[in-house]
Amino acid sequence: MNTFSPSESVVDFIRQAGRNLKIARKRRQKTIKEVAEMIGASVSTIQRLEKGDPAVKFSIYLSIAEVFQLNEAMSFAPPEADMIGQALEKQRMPQRVRSKKVARLDF
């Protein structure tokens, strides 16, 4: 069985997200237990999230962001930021566009 192991840059991103949510929790003067109850998770899950454990489900991060009203700040892979995808899409665009001929059904 293959096990997924995220790259170091992904692990760094996850750790930073955990630190950011920890700061948001503290600014709101919420305990780990209160946050866990708000989203229906265990205290240990919130502790692991704040430490940047990559095994914590992404939905937990999103749930906390929602509870803290940080949905806008949690923008994830917006299409306008996908420079490689935009370049590939531009390459596939036709040089000219022709109108399609409509088949006439004359009886």
PDB file of N, CA and C in Angstrom:
ATOM      1  N   MET A   1       0.844  -1.173   0.000  1.00  0.00           N
ATOM      2  CA  MET A   1       0.000   0.000   0.000  1.00  0.00           C
ATOM      3  C   MET A   1       0.891   1.239   0.000  1.00  0.00           C
ATOM      4  N   ASN A   2       0.619   2.174  -0.935  1.00  0.00           N
ATOM      5  CA  ASN A   2       1.365   3.418  -0.992  1.00  0.00           C
ATOM      6  C   ASN A   2       0.793   4.413   0.007  1.00  0.00           C
ATOM      7  N   THR A   3       1.662   5.089   0.691  1.00  0.00           N
ATOM      8  CA  THR A   3       1.212   6.141   1.595  1.00  0.00           C
ATOM      9  C   THR A   3       1.695   7.467   1.051  1.00  0.00           C
ATOM     10  N   PHE A   4       0.812   8.432   1.082  1.00  0.00           N
ATOM     11  CA  PHE A   4       1.130   9.758   0.565  1.00  0.00           C
ATOM     12  C   PHE A   4       1.963  10.511   1.582  1.00  0.00           C
ATOM     13  N   SER A   5       3.013  11.120   1.119  1.00  0.00           N
ATOM     14  CA  SER A   5       3.862  11.937   1.967  1.00  0.00           C
ATOM     15  C   SER A   5       4.004  13.305   1.300  1.00  0.00           C
ATOM     16  N   PRO A   6       3.417  14.346   1.900  1.00  0.00           N
ATOM     17  CA  PRO A   6       3.464  15.662   1.259  1.00  0.00           C
ATOM     18  C   PRO A   6       4.877  16.233   1.217  1.00  0.00           C
ATOM     19  N   SER A   7       5.108  17.084   0.237  1.00  0.00           N
ATOM     20  CA  SER A   7       6.418  17.727   0.104  1.00  0.00           C
ATOM     21  C   SER A   7       6.648  18.690   1.267  1.00  0.00           C
ATOM     22  N   GLU A   8       7.881  19.096   1.419  1.00  0.00           N
ATOM     23  CA  GLU A   8       8.228  20.016   2.515  1.00  0.00           C
ATOM     24  C   GLU A   8       7.498  21.350   2.367  1.00  0.00           C
ATOM     25  N   SER A   9       7.315  21.824   1.144  1.00  0.00           N
ATOM     26  CA  SER A   9       6.604  23.096   0.954  1.00  0.00           C
ATOM     27  C   SER A   9       5.131  22.966   1.354  1.00  0.00           C
ATOM     28  N   VAL A  10       4.525  21.807   1.098  1.00  0.00           N
ATOM     29  CA  VAL A  10       3.138  21.579   1.507  1.00  0.00           C
ATOM     30  C   VAL A  10       3.052  21.513   3.030  1.00  0.00           C
ATOM     31  N   VAL A  11       3.997  20.835   3.650  1.00  0.00           N
ATOM     32  CA  VAL A  11       4.021  20.752   5.118  1.00  0.00           C
ATOM     33  C   VAL A  11       4.196  22.146   5.726  1.00  0.00           C
ATOM     34  N   ASP A  12       5.052  22.964   5.122  1.00  0.00           N
ATOM     35  CA  ASP A  12       5.237  24.342   5.609  1.00  0.00           C
ATOM     36  C   ASP A  12       3.947  25.141   5.494  1.00  0.00           C
ATOM     37  N   PHE A  13       3.227  24.956   4.380  1.00  0.00           N
ATOM     38  CA  PHE A  13       1.952  25.645   4.183  1.00  0.00           C
ATOM     39  C   PHE A  13       0.948  25.231   5.256  1.00  0.00           C
ATOM     40  N   ILE A  14       0.874  23.945   5.534  1.00  0.00           N
ATOM     41  CA  ILE A  14      -0.056  23.430   6.543  1.00  0.00           C
ATOM     42  C   ILE A  14       0.300  23.971   7.924  1.00  0.00           C
ATOM     43  N   ARG A  15       1.591  23.986   8.238  1.00  0.00           N
ATOM     44  CA  ARG A  15       2.030  24.525   9.538  1.00  0.00           C
ATOM     45  C   ARG A  15       1.658  25.993   9.674  1.00  0.00           C
ATOM     46  N   GLN A  16       1.850  26.764   8.590  1.00  0.00           N
ATOM     47  CA  GLN A  16       1.519  28.188   8.631  1.00  0.00           C
ATOM     48  C   GLN A  16       0.017  28.387   8.803  1.00  0.00           C
ATOM     49  N   ALA A  17      -0.781  27.574   8.126  1.00  0.00           N
ATOM     50  CA  ALA A  17      -2.240  27.660   8.276  1.00  0.00           C
ATOM     51  C   ALA A  17      -2.638  27.364   9.719  1.00  0.00           C
ATOM     52  N   GLY A  18      -2.017  26.372  10.327  1.00  0.00           N
ATOM     53  CA  GLY A  18      -2.296  26.047  11.727  1.00  0.00           C
ATOM     54  C   GLY A  18      -1.925  27.193  12.659  1.00  0.00           C
ATOM     55  N   ARG A  19      -0.761  27.795  12.419  1.00  0.00           N
ATOM     56  CA  ARG A  19      -0.343  28.948  13.244  1.00  0.00           C
ATOM     57  C   ARG A  19      -1.306  30.115  13.067  1.00  0.00           C
ATOM     58  N   ASN A  20      -1.730  30.349  11.835  1.00  0.00           N
ATOM     59  CA  ASN A  20      -2.658  31.449  11.567  1.00  0.00           C
ATOM     60  C   ASN A  20      -3.991  31.248  12.281  1.00  0.00           C
ATOM     61  N   LEU A  21      -4.501  30.021  12.246  1.00  0.00           N
ATOM     62  CA  LEU A  21      -5.773  29.743  12.920  1.00  0.00           C
ATOM     63  C   LEU A  21      -5.623  29.796  14.435  1.00  0.00           C
ATOM     64  N   LYS A  22      -4.461  29.455  14.937  1.00  0.00           N
ATOM     65  CA  LYS A  22      -4.206  29.576  16.374  1.00  0.00           C
ATOM     66  C   LYS A  22      -4.247  31.051  16.791  1.00  0.00           C
ATOM     67  N   ILE A  23      -3.629  31.905  16.001  1.00  0.00           N
ATOM     68  CA  ILE A  23      -3.652  33.347  16.288  1.00  0.00           C
ATOM     69  C   ILE A  23      -5.089  33.860  16.248  1.00  0.00           C
ATOM     70  N   ALA A  24      -5.850  33.431  15.235  1.00  0.00           N
ATOM     71  CA  ALA A  24      -7.251  33.848  15.119  1.00  0.00           C
ATOM     72  C   ALA A  24      -8.051  33.398  16.335  1.00  0.00           C
ATOM     73  N   ARG A  25      -7.793  32.187  16.800  1.00  0.00           N
ATOM     74  CA  ARG A  25      -8.492  31.673  17.995  1.00  0.00           C
ATOM     75  C   ARG A  25      -8.158  32.525  19.212  1.00  0.00           C
ATOM     76  N   LYS A  26      -6.901  32.817  19.401  1.00  0.00           N
ATOM     77  CA  LYS A  26      -6.484  33.600  20.561  1.00  0.00           C
ATOM     78  C   LYS A  26      -7.033  35.030  20.500  1.00  0.00           C
ATOM     79  N   ARG A  27      -7.080  35.617  19.323  1.00  0.00           N
ATOM     80  CA  ARG A  27      -7.641  36.961  19.177  1.00  0.00           C
ATOM     81  C   ARG A  27      -9.111  36.987  19.571  1.00  0.00           C
ATOM     82  N   ARG A  28      -9.777  35.888  19.341  1.00  0.00           N
ATOM     83  CA  ARG A  28     -11.193  35.792  19.697  1.00  0.00           C
ATOM     84  C   ARG A  28     -11.394  35.313  21.133  1.00  0.00           C
ATOM     85  N   GLN A  29     -10.305  35.096  21.811  1.00  0.00           N
ATOM     86  CA  GLN A  29     -10.298  34.648  23.213  1.00  0.00           C
ATOM     87  C   GLN A  29     -11.119  33.372  23.391  1.00  0.00           C
ATOM     88  N   LYS A  30     -10.858  32.427  22.493  1.00  0.00           N
ATOM     89  CA  LYS A  30     -11.507  31.120  22.556  1.00  0.00           C
ATOM     90  C   LYS A  30     -10.487  30.075  22.986  1.00  0.00           C
ATOM     91  N   THR A  31     -10.927  29.142  23.806  1.00  0.00           N
ATOM     92  CA  THR A  31     -10.056  28.043  24.190  1.00  0.00           C
ATOM     93  C   THR A  31     -10.113  26.977  23.098  1.00  0.00           C
ATOM     94  N   ILE A  32      -9.146  26.083  23.133  1.00  0.00           N
ATOM     95  CA  ILE A  32      -9.148  24.971  22.181  1.00  0.00           C
ATOM     96  C   ILE A  32     -10.424  24.146  22.346  1.00  0.00           C
ATOM     97  N   LYS A  33     -10.829  23.951  23.576  1.00  0.00           N
ATOM     98  CA  LYS A  33     -12.037  23.177  23.852  1.00  0.00           C
ATOM     99  C   LYS A  33     -13.270  23.851  23.253  1.00  0.00           C
ATOM    100  N   GLU A  34     -13.368  25.172  23.361  1.00  0.00           N
ATOM    101  CA  GLU A  34     -14.516  25.891  22.803  1.00  0.00           C
ATOM    102  C   GLU A  34     -14.558  25.752  21.279  1.00  0.00           C
ATOM    103  N   VAL A  35     -13.403  25.884  20.650  1.00  0.00           N
ATOM    104  CA  VAL A  35     -13.346  25.747  19.188  1.00  0.00           C
ATOM    105  C   VAL A  35     -13.723  24.330  18.780  1.00  0.00           C
ATOM    106  N   ALA A  36     -13.218  23.352  19.503  1.00  0.00           N
ATOM    107  CA  ALA A  36     -13.540  21.953  19.208  1.00  0.00           C
ATOM    108  C   ALA A  36     -15.049  21.722  19.288  1.00  0.00           C
ATOM    109  N   GLU A  37     -15.690  22.279  20.305  1.00  0.00           N
ATOM    110  CA  GLU A  37     -17.136  22.126  20.454  1.00  0.00           C
ATOM    111  C   GLU A  37     -17.889  22.859  19.344  1.00  0.00           C
ATOM    112  N   MET A  38     -17.377  24.009  18.925  1.00  0.00           N
ATOM    113  CA  MET A  38     -18.043  24.796  17.882  1.00  0.00           C
ATOM    114  C   MET A  38     -18.109  24.052  16.553  1.00  0.00           C
ATOM    115  N   ILE A  39     -17.079  23.272  16.249  1.00  0.00           N
ATOM    116  CA  ILE A  39     -17.055  22.594  14.950  1.00  0.00           C
ATOM    117  C   ILE A  39     -17.293  21.090  15.058  1.00  0.00           C
ATOM    118  N   GLY A  40     -17.453  20.591  16.256  1.00  0.00           N
ATOM    119  CA  GLY A  40     -17.721  19.167  16.436  1.00  0.00           C
ATOM    120  C   GLY A  40     -16.503  18.286  16.258  1.00  0.00           C
ATOM    121  N   ALA A  41     -15.357  18.775  16.711  1.00  0.00           N
ATOM    122  CA  ALA A  41     -14.110  18.001  16.620  1.00  0.00           C
ATOM    123  C   ALA A  41     -13.580  17.763  18.029  1.00  0.00           C
ATOM    124  N   SER A  42     -12.554  16.953  18.131  1.00  0.00           N
ATOM    125  CA  SER A  42     -11.957  16.691  19.428  1.00  0.00           C
ATOM    126  C   SER A  42     -10.898  17.753  19.747  1.00  0.00           C
ATOM    127  N   VAL A  43     -10.603  17.891  21.020  1.00  0.00           N
ATOM    128  CA  VAL A  43      -9.571  18.831  21.468  1.00  0.00           C
ATOM    129  C   VAL A  43      -8.229  18.448  20.857  1.00  0.00           C
ATOM    130  N   SER A  44      -7.936  17.163  20.811  1.00  0.00           N
ATOM    131  CA  SER A  44      -6.652  16.724  20.262  1.00  0.00           C
ATOM    132  C   SER A  44      -6.531  17.059  18.770  1.00  0.00           C
ATOM    133  N   THR A  45      -7.643  17.023  18.053  1.00  0.00           N
ATOM    134  CA  THR A  45      -7.611  17.378  16.633  1.00  0.00           C
ATOM    135  C   THR A  45      -7.242  18.848  16.461  1.00  0.00           C
ATOM    136  N   ILE A  46      -7.827  19.709  17.279  1.00  0.00           N
ATOM    137  CA  ILE A  46      -7.523  21.144  17.197  1.00  0.00           C
ATOM    138  C   ILE A  46      -6.062  21.381  17.587  1.00  0.00           C
ATOM    139  N   GLN A  47      -5.586  20.680  18.592  1.00  0.00           N
ATOM    140  CA  GLN A  47      -4.179  20.815  18.990  1.00  0.00           C
ATOM    141  C   GLN A  47      -3.258  20.398  17.847  1.00  0.00           C
ATOM    142  N   ARG A  48      -3.579  19.280  17.206  1.00  0.00           N
ATOM    143  CA  ARG A  48      -2.763  18.799  16.083  1.00  0.00           C
ATOM    144  C   ARG A  48      -2.811  19.773  14.909  1.00  0.00           C
ATOM    145  N   LEU A  49      -3.997  20.329  14.652  1.00  0.00           N
ATOM    146  CA  LEU A  49      -4.154  21.305  13.581  1.00  0.00           C
ATOM    147  C   LEU A  49      -3.261  22.520  13.833  1.00  0.00           C
ATOM    148  N   GLU A  50      -3.293  23.042  15.040  1.00  0.00           N
ATOM    149  CA  GLU A  50      -2.503  24.225  15.369  1.00  0.00           C
ATOM    150  C   GLU A  50      -0.999  23.962  15.307  1.00  0.00           C
ATOM    151  N   LYS A  51      -0.606  22.705  15.457  1.00  0.00           N
ATOM    152  CA  LYS A  51       0.812  22.339  15.344  1.00  0.00           C
ATOM    153  C   LYS A  51       1.202  22.034  13.901  1.00  0.00           C
ATOM    154  N   GLY A  52       0.213  21.982  13.014  1.00  0.00           N
ATOM    155  CA  GLY A  52       0.508  21.747  11.605  1.00  0.00           C
ATOM    156  C   GLY A  52       0.613  20.293  11.208  1.00  0.00           C
ATOM    157  N   ASP A  53      -0.131  19.433  11.869  1.00  0.00           N
ATOM    158  CA  ASP A  53      -0.135  18.005  11.535  1.00  0.00           C
ATOM    159  C   ASP A  53      -0.822  17.799  10.185  1.00  0.00           C
ATOM    160  N   PRO A  54      -0.108  17.289   9.174  1.00  0.00           N
ATOM    161  CA  PRO A  54      -0.709  17.108   7.855  1.00  0.00           C
ATOM    162  C   PRO A  54      -1.811  16.049   7.809  1.00  0.00           C
ATOM    163  N   ALA A  55      -1.965  15.251   8.847  1.00  0.00           N
ATOM    164  CA  ALA A  55      -2.997  14.218   8.853  1.00  0.00           C
ATOM    165  C   ALA A  55      -4.377  14.777   9.209  1.00  0.00           C
ATOM    166  N   VAL A  56      -4.444  16.020   9.673  1.00  0.00           N
ATOM    167  CA  VAL A  56      -5.740  16.624  10.009  1.00  0.00           C
ATOM    168  C   VAL A  56      -6.486  16.917   8.709  1.00  0.00           C
ATOM    169  N   LYS A  57      -7.769  16.561   8.680  1.00  0.00           N
ATOM    170  CA  LYS A  57      -8.573  16.749   7.468  1.00  0.00           C
ATOM    171  C   LYS A  57      -8.676  18.223   7.094  1.00  0.00           C
ATOM    172  N   PHE A  58      -8.645  18.473   5.800  1.00  0.00           N
ATOM    173  CA  PHE A  58      -8.761  19.834   5.277  1.00  0.00           C
ATOM    174  C   PHE A  58     -10.094  20.462   5.688  1.00  0.00           C
ATOM    175  N   SER A  59     -11.133  19.648   5.800  1.00  0.00           N
ATOM    176  CA  SER A  59     -12.456  20.165   6.175  1.00  0.00           C
ATOM    177  C   SER A  59     -12.447  20.785   7.571  1.00  0.00           C
ATOM    178  N   ILE A  60     -11.565  20.315   8.444  1.00  0.00           N
ATOM    179  CA  ILE A  60     -11.456  20.896   9.786  1.00  0.00           C
ATOM    180  C   ILE A  60     -10.916  22.319   9.685  1.00  0.00           C
ATOM    181  N   TYR A  61      -9.892  22.515   8.850  1.00  0.00           N
ATOM    182  CA  TYR A  61      -9.359  23.863   8.639  1.00  0.00           C
ATOM    183  C   TYR A  61     -10.457  24.792   8.130  1.00  0.00           C
ATOM    184  N   LEU A  62     -11.212  24.312   7.148  1.00  0.00           N
ATOM    185  CA  LEU A  62     -12.267  25.135   6.558  1.00  0.00           C
ATOM    186  C   LEU A  62     -13.383  25.423   7.553  1.00  0.00           C
ATOM    187  N   SER A  63     -13.696  24.453   8.405  1.00  0.00           N
ATOM    188  CA  SER A  63     -14.741  24.654   9.412  1.00  0.00           C
ATOM    189  C   SER A  63     -14.340  25.736  10.407  1.00  0.00           C
ATOM    190  N   ILE A  64     -13.099  25.715  10.831  1.00  0.00           N
ATOM    191  CA  ILE A  64     -12.626  26.741  11.762  1.00  0.00           C
ATOM    192  C   ILE A  64     -12.633  28.108  11.086  1.00  0.00           C
ATOM    193  N   ALA A  65     -12.175  28.169   9.851  1.00  0.00           N
ATOM    194  CA  ALA A  65     -12.183  29.432   9.111  1.00  0.00           C
ATOM    195  C   ALA A  65     -13.606  29.977   8.997  1.00  0.00           C
ATOM    196  N   GLU A  66     -14.561  29.093   8.776  1.00  0.00           N
ATOM    197  CA  GLU A  66     -15.959  29.514   8.678  1.00  0.00           C
ATOM    198  C   GLU A  66     -16.466  30.047  10.011  1.00  0.00           C
ATOM    199  N   VAL A  67     -16.179  29.339  11.089  1.00  0.00           N
ATOM    200  CA  VAL A  67     -16.618  29.761  12.421  1.00  0.00           C
ATOM    201  C   VAL A  67     -16.006  31.114  12.787  1.00  0.00           C
ATOM    202  N   PHE A  68     -14.768  31.331  12.395  1.00  0.00           N
ATOM    203  CA  PHE A  68     -14.080  32.593  12.678  1.00  0.00           C
ATOM    204  C   PHE A  68     -14.380  33.661  11.630  1.00  0.00           C
ATOM    205  N   GLN A  69     -15.246  33.338  10.678  1.00  0.00           N
ATOM    206  CA  GLN A  69     -15.632  34.238   9.586  1.00  0.00           C
ATOM    207  C   GLN A  69     -14.415  34.681   8.768  1.00  0.00           C
ATOM    208  N   LEU A  70     -13.572  33.724   8.451  1.00  0.00           N
ATOM    209  CA  LEU A  70     -12.383  33.960   7.636  1.00  0.00           C
ATOM    210  C   LEU A  70     -12.504  33.313   6.261  1.00  0.00           C
ATOM    211  N   ASN A  71     -13.728  33.044   5.846  1.00  0.00           N
ATOM    212  CA  ASN A  71     -13.954  32.367   4.567  1.00  0.00           C
ATOM    213  C   ASN A  71     -13.275  33.100   3.418  1.00  0.00           C
ATOM    214  N   GLU A  72     -13.394  34.420   3.398  1.00  0.00           N
ATOM    215  CA  GLU A  72     -12.810  35.216   2.322  1.00  0.00           C
ATOM    216  C   GLU A  72     -11.287  35.090   2.315  1.00  0.00           C
ATOM    217  N   ALA A  73     -10.695  35.021   3.493  1.00  0.00           N
ATOM    218  CA  ALA A  73      -9.237  34.947   3.607  1.00  0.00           C
ATOM    219  C   ALA A  73      -8.701  33.564   3.250  1.00  0.00           C
ATOM    220  N   MET A  74      -9.549  32.564   3.200  1.00  0.00           N
ATOM    221  CA  MET A  74      -9.113  31.201   2.923  1.00  0.00           C
ATOM    222  C   MET A  74      -9.257  30.851   1.440  1.00  0.00           C
ATOM    223  N   SER A  75      -9.088  31.824   0.580  1.00  0.00           N
ATOM    224  CA  SER A  75      -9.168  31.579  -0.855  1.00  0.00           C
ATOM    225  C   SER A  75      -8.148  30.501  -1.223  1.00  0.00           C
ATOM    226  N   PHE A  76      -8.605  29.480  -1.913  1.00  0.00           N
ATOM    227  CA  PHE A  76      -7.739  28.346  -2.231  1.00  0.00           C
ATOM    228  C   PHE A  76      -7.708  28.115  -3.729  1.00  0.00           C
ATOM    229  N   ALA A  77      -6.563  28.305  -4.315  1.00  0.00           N
ATOM    230  CA  ALA A  77      -6.320  28.069  -5.743  1.00  0.00           C
ATOM    231  C   ALA A  77      -7.324  28.778  -6.642  1.00  0.00           C
ATOM    232  N   PRO A  78      -7.448  30.111  -6.516  1.00  0.00           N
ATOM    233  CA  PRO A  78      -8.379  30.817  -7.404  1.00  0.00           C
ATOM    234  C   PRO A  78      -7.921  30.724  -8.856  1.00  0.00           C
ATOM    235  N   PRO A  79      -8.850  30.550  -9.786  1.00  0.00           N
ATOM    236  CA  PRO A  79      -8.486  30.374 -11.197  1.00  0.00           C
ATOM    237  C   PRO A  79      -7.630  31.511 -11.756  1.00  0.00           C
ATOM    238  N   GLU A  80      -7.859  32.738 -11.294  1.00  0.00           N
ATOM    239  CA  GLU A  80      -7.088  33.867 -11.810  1.00  0.00           C
ATOM    240  C   GLU A  80      -5.624  33.833 -11.366  1.00  0.00           C
ATOM    241  N   ALA A  81      -5.300  33.033 -10.375  1.00  0.00           N
ATOM    242  CA  ALA A  81      -3.914  32.897  -9.923  1.00  0.00           C
ATOM    243  C   ALA A  81      -3.189  31.737 -10.611  1.00  0.00           C
ATOM    244  N   ASP A  82      -3.893  30.982 -11.424  1.00  0.00           N
ATOM    245  CA  ASP A  82      -3.324  29.806 -12.096  1.00  0.00           C
ATOM    246  C   ASP A  82      -2.664  30.215 -13.411  1.00  0.00           C
ATOM    247  N   MET A  83      -1.458  30.736 -13.322  1.00  0.00           N
ATOM    248  CA  MET A  83      -0.750  31.235 -14.501  1.00  0.00           C
ATOM    249  C   MET A  83      -0.416  30.109 -15.488  1.00  0.00           C
ATOM    250  N   ILE A  84      -0.024  28.956 -14.993  1.00  0.00           N
ATOM    251  CA  ILE A  84       0.303  27.832 -15.874  1.00  0.00           C
ATOM    252  C   ILE A  84      -0.949  27.364 -16.618  1.00  0.00           C
ATOM    253  N   GLY A  85      -2.043  27.220 -15.889  1.00  0.00           N
ATOM    254  CA  GLY A  85      -3.296  26.799 -16.514  1.00  0.00           C
ATOM    255  C   GLY A  85      -3.777  27.801 -17.556  1.00  0.00           C
ATOM    256  N   GLN A  86      -3.612  29.086 -17.264  1.00  0.00           N
ATOM    257  CA  GLN A  86      -4.020  30.114 -18.226  1.00  0.00           C
ATOM    258  C   GLN A  86      -3.171  30.043 -19.488  1.00  0.00           C
ATOM    259  N   ALA A  87      -1.868  29.815 -19.323  1.00  0.00           N
ATOM    260  CA  ALA A  87      -0.981  29.707 -20.481  1.00  0.00           C
ATOM    261  C   ALA A  87      -1.340  28.489 -21.328  1.00  0.00           C
ATOM    262  N   LEU A  88      -1.632  27.366 -20.681  1.00  0.00           N
ATOM    263  CA  LEU A  88      -2.031  26.159 -21.413  1.00  0.00           C
ATOM    264  C   LEU A  88      -3.345  26.370 -22.149  1.00  0.00           C
ATOM    265  N   GLU A  89      -4.273  27.030 -21.498  1.00  0.00           N
ATOM    266  CA  GLU A  89      -5.565  27.313 -22.119  1.00  0.00           C
ATOM    267  C   GLU A  89      -5.379  28.209 -23.348  1.00  0.00           C
ATOM    268  N   LYS A  90      -4.516  29.195 -23.225  1.00  0.00           N
ATOM    269  CA  LYS A  90      -4.258  30.116 -24.343  1.00  0.00           C
ATOM    270  C   LYS A  90      -3.642  29.374 -25.532  1.00  0.00           C
ATOM    271  N   GLN A  91      -2.764  28.405 -25.252  1.00  0.00           N
ATOM    272  CA  GLN A  91      -2.146  27.615 -26.321  1.00  0.00           C
ATOM    273  C   GLN A  91      -3.182  26.798 -27.085  1.00  0.00           C
ATOM    274  N   ARG A  92      -4.197  26.328 -26.391  1.00  0.00           N
ATOM    275  CA  ARG A  92      -5.212  25.471 -27.022  1.00  0.00           C
ATOM    276  C   ARG A  92      -6.274  26.257 -27.782  1.00  0.00           C
ATOM    277  N   MET A  93      -6.303  27.570 -27.620  1.00  0.00           N
ATOM    278  CA  MET A  93      -7.322  28.368 -28.309  1.00  0.00           C
ATOM    279  C   MET A  93      -7.056  28.372 -29.806  1.00  0.00           C
ATOM    280  N   PRO A  94      -8.123  28.245 -30.589  1.00  0.00           N
ATOM    281  CA  PRO A  94      -7.943  28.255 -32.038  1.00  0.00           C
ATOM    282  C   PRO A  94      -7.524  29.648 -32.525  1.00  0.00           C
ATOM    283  N   GLN A  95      -6.820  29.669 -33.654  1.00  0.00           N
ATOM    284  CA  GLN A  95      -6.413  30.942 -34.231  1.00  0.00           C
ATOM    285  C   GLN A  95      -7.618  31.679 -34.815  1.00  0.00           C
ATOM    286  N   ARG A  96      -8.539  30.903 -35.419  1.00  0.00           N
ATOM    287  CA  ARG A  96      -9.749  31.488 -35.998  1.00  0.00           C
ATOM    288  C   ARG A  96     -10.952  30.686 -35.532  1.00  0.00           C
ATOM    289  N   VAL A  97     -12.053  31.347 -35.496  1.00  0.00           N
ATOM    290  CA  VAL A  97     -13.304  30.674 -35.157  1.00  0.00           C
ATOM    291  C   VAL A  97     -14.222  30.791 -36.358  1.00  0.00           C
ATOM    292  N   ARG A  98     -14.707  29.660 -36.818  1.00  0.00           N
ATOM    293  CA  ARG A  98     -15.616  29.635 -37.958  1.00  0.00           C
ATOM    294  C   ARG A  98     -17.016  29.301 -37.475  1.00  0.00           C
ATOM    295  N   SER A  99     -17.981  29.869 -38.137  1.00  0.00           N
ATOM    296  CA  SER A  99     -19.353  29.542 -37.768  1.00  0.00           C
ATOM    297  C   SER A  99     -19.673  28.135 -38.262  1.00  0.00           C
ATOM    298  N   LYS A 100     -20.480  27.458 -37.518  1.00  0.00           N
ATOM    299  CA  LYS A 100     -20.855  26.093 -37.881  1.00  0.00           C
ATOM    300  C   LYS A 100     -21.972  26.130 -38.907  1.00  0.00           C
ATOM    301  N   LYS A 101     -21.872  25.234 -39.884  1.00  0.00           N
ATOM    302  CA  LYS A 101     -22.920  25.147 -40.885  1.00  0.00           C
ATOM    303  C   LYS A 101     -24.086  24.372 -40.297  1.00  0.00           C
ATOM    304  N   VAL A 102     -25.262  24.944 -40.496  1.00  0.00           N
ATOM    305  CA  VAL A 102     -26.466  24.307 -39.993  1.00  0.00           C
ATOM    306  C   VAL A 102     -27.023  23.418 -41.101  1.00  0.00           C
ATOM    307  N   ALA A 103     -27.291  22.186 -40.784  1.00  0.00           N
ATOM    308  CA  ALA A 103     -27.854  21.256 -41.765  1.00  0.00           C
ATOM    309  C   ALA A 103     -29.314  21.642 -42.020  1.00  0.00           C
ATOM    310  N   ARG A 104     -29.630  21.848 -43.268  1.00  0.00           N
ATOM    311  CA  ARG A 104     -31.011  22.202 -43.600  1.00  0.00           C
ATOM    312  C   ARG A 104     -31.790  20.936 -43.889  1.00  0.00           C
ATOM    313  N   LEU A 105     -32.917  20.879 -43.340  1.00  0.00           N
ATOM    314  CA  LEU A 105     -33.773  19.723 -43.554  1.00  0.00           C
ATOM    315  C   LEU A 105     -34.927  20.148 -44.480  1.00  0.00           C
ATOM    316  N   ASP A 106     -34.666  20.206 -45.758  1.00  0.00           N
ATOM    317  CA  ASP A 106     -35.705  20.573 -46.729  1.00  0.00           C
ATOM    318  C   ASP A 106     -36.492  19.326 -47.110  1.00  0.00           C
ATOM    319  N   PHE A 107     -37.769  19.421 -46.979  1.00  0.00           N
ATOM    320  CA  PHE A 107     -38.615  18.287 -47.323  1.00  0.00           C
ATOM    321  C   PHE A 107     -39.350  18.516 -48.578  1.00  0.00           C
TER     322      PHE A 107
END
